Amino acid sequence: MTMQEQLWQAAWIIAEQYGDEAVGFATQMAESFEAGGRQGERDLWLSIKDKVSVLTADDAGSPKYWQ
């Protein structure tokens, strides 16, 4: 599985688990790693956040239909 596939998979799981709060959760994770000085992990979480935003957009449909 490529890194992009792994990031999309993580985003899908987070979107499914957190629903409307998924983007906020991913943002908090990115901020946490940034505060800890871990830029690489922060960048991964920012990418996940962007993907979660796509998956949870109003026109994206429900997570149960993504499979």
C-alpha atoms as a PDB file:
ATOM      1  CA  MET A   1       0.000   0.000   0.000  1.00  0.00           C
ATOM      2  CA  THR A   2       1.400   3.409  -0.927  1.00  0.00           C
ATOM      3  CA  MET A   3       1.715   6.280   1.549  1.00  0.00           C
ATOM      4  CA  GLN A   4      -1.173   8.110  -0.145  1.00  0.00           C
ATOM      5  CA  GLU A   5      -3.354   5.012   0.159  1.00  0.00           C
ATOM      6  CA  GLN A   6      -2.467   4.767   3.852  1.00  0.00           C
ATOM      7  CA  LEU A   7      -3.313   8.430   4.395  1.00  0.00           C
ATOM      8  CA  TRP A   8      -6.678   8.029   2.624  1.00  0.00           C
ATOM      9  CA  GLN A   9      -7.384   4.912   4.677  1.00  0.00           C
ATOM     10  CA  ALA A  10      -6.610   6.772   7.910  1.00  0.00           C
ATOM     11  CA  ALA A  11      -8.803   9.678   6.796  1.00  0.00           C
ATOM     12  CA  TRP A  12     -11.676   7.337   6.006  1.00  0.00           C
ATOM     13  CA  ILE A  13     -11.440   5.655   9.417  1.00  0.00           C
ATOM     14  CA  ILE A  14     -11.311   9.007  11.211  1.00  0.00           C
ATOM     15  CA  ALA A  15     -14.243  10.370   9.194  1.00  0.00           C
ATOM     16  CA  GLU A  16     -16.267   7.278   9.971  1.00  0.00           C
ATOM     17  CA  GLN A  17     -15.426   7.311  13.685  1.00  0.00           C
ATOM     18  CA  TYR A  18     -15.671  11.045  14.385  1.00  0.00           C
ATOM     19  CA  GLY A  19     -18.281  12.172  11.850  1.00  0.00           C
ATOM     20  CA  ASP A  20     -18.867  15.926  12.038  1.00  0.00           C
ATOM     21  CA  GLU A  21     -15.941  16.296  14.453  1.00  0.00           C
ATOM     22  CA  ALA A  22     -13.425  14.472  12.246  1.00  0.00           C
ATOM     23  CA  VAL A  23     -11.800  17.577  10.745  1.00  0.00           C
ATOM     24  CA  GLY A  24     -11.462  19.093  14.196  1.00  0.00           C
ATOM     25  CA  PHE A  25      -9.870  15.914  15.509  1.00  0.00           C
ATOM     26  CA  ALA A  26      -7.329  15.814  12.683  1.00  0.00           C
ATOM     27  CA  THR A  27      -6.576  19.511  13.212  1.00  0.00           C
ATOM     28  CA  GLN A  28      -5.952  18.910  16.921  1.00  0.00           C
ATOM     29  CA  MET A  29      -3.611  16.038  16.111  1.00  0.00           C
ATOM     30  CA  ALA A  30      -1.632  18.228  13.687  1.00  0.00           C
ATOM     31  CA  GLU A  31      -1.417  21.021  16.266  1.00  0.00           C
ATOM     32  CA  SER A  32      -0.290  18.578  18.929  1.00  0.00           C
ATOM     33  CA  PHE A  33       2.585  17.326  16.808  1.00  0.00           C
ATOM     34  CA  GLU A  34       3.496  20.885  15.844  1.00  0.00           C
ATOM     35  CA  ALA A  35       3.648  21.876  19.514  1.00  0.00           C
ATOM     36  CA  GLY A  36       5.887  18.880  20.123  1.00  0.00           C
ATOM     37  CA  GLY A  37       8.261  19.951  17.374  1.00  0.00           C
ATOM     38  CA  ARG A  38       7.483  16.970  15.180  1.00  0.00           C
ATOM     39  CA  GLN A  39       7.029  18.622  11.802  1.00  0.00           C
ATOM     40  CA  GLY A  40       7.003  15.398   9.773  1.00  0.00           C
ATOM     41  CA  GLU A  41       4.106  13.971  11.757  1.00  0.00           C
ATOM     42  CA  ARG A  42       2.380  17.370  11.670  1.00  0.00           C
ATOM     43  CA  ASP A  43       2.571  17.366   7.888  1.00  0.00           C
ATOM     44  CA  LEU A  44       1.062  13.869   7.735  1.00  0.00           C
ATOM     45  CA  TRP A  45      -1.839  14.977   9.927  1.00  0.00           C
ATOM     46  CA  LEU A  46      -2.406  18.072   7.808  1.00  0.00           C
ATOM     47  CA  SER A  47      -2.655  15.773   4.786  1.00  0.00           C
ATOM     48  CA  ILE A  48      -5.081  13.522   6.656  1.00  0.00           C
ATOM     49  CA  LYS A  49      -7.109  16.598   7.667  1.00  0.00           C
ATOM     50  CA  ASP A  50      -7.385  17.676   4.033  1.00  0.00           C
ATOM     51  CA  LYS A  51      -8.554  14.199   3.044  1.00  0.00           C
ATOM     52  CA  VAL A  52     -11.064  14.086   5.914  1.00  0.00           C
ATOM     53  CA  SER A  53     -12.406  17.432   4.686  1.00  0.00           C
ATOM     54  CA  VAL A  54     -13.019  15.919   1.259  1.00  0.00           C
ATOM     55  CA  LEU A  55     -14.689  12.854   2.721  1.00  0.00           C
ATOM     56  CA  THR A  56     -16.939  14.807   5.070  1.00  0.00           C
ATOM     57  CA  ALA A  57     -17.922  17.583   2.667  1.00  0.00           C
ATOM     58  CA  ASP A  58     -21.657  18.114   2.262  1.00  0.00           C
ATOM     59  CA  ASP A  59     -21.608  16.578  -1.215  1.00  0.00           C
ATOM     60  CA  ALA A  60     -19.495  13.544  -0.219  1.00  0.00           C
ATOM     61  CA  GLY A  61     -22.367  11.405   1.016  1.00  0.00           C
ATOM     62  CA  SER A  62     -22.408   9.236   4.098  1.00  0.00           C
ATOM     63  CA  PRO A  63     -19.392   7.157   5.239  1.00  0.00           C
ATOM     64  CA  LYS A  64     -21.443   3.972   5.019  1.00  0.00           C
ATOM     65  CA  TYR A  65     -21.629   4.466   1.228  1.00  0.00           C
ATOM     66  CA  TRP A  66     -17.891   5.012   0.685  1.00  0.00           C
ATOM     67  CA  GLN A  67     -16.968   1.342   0.677  1.00  0.00           C
END
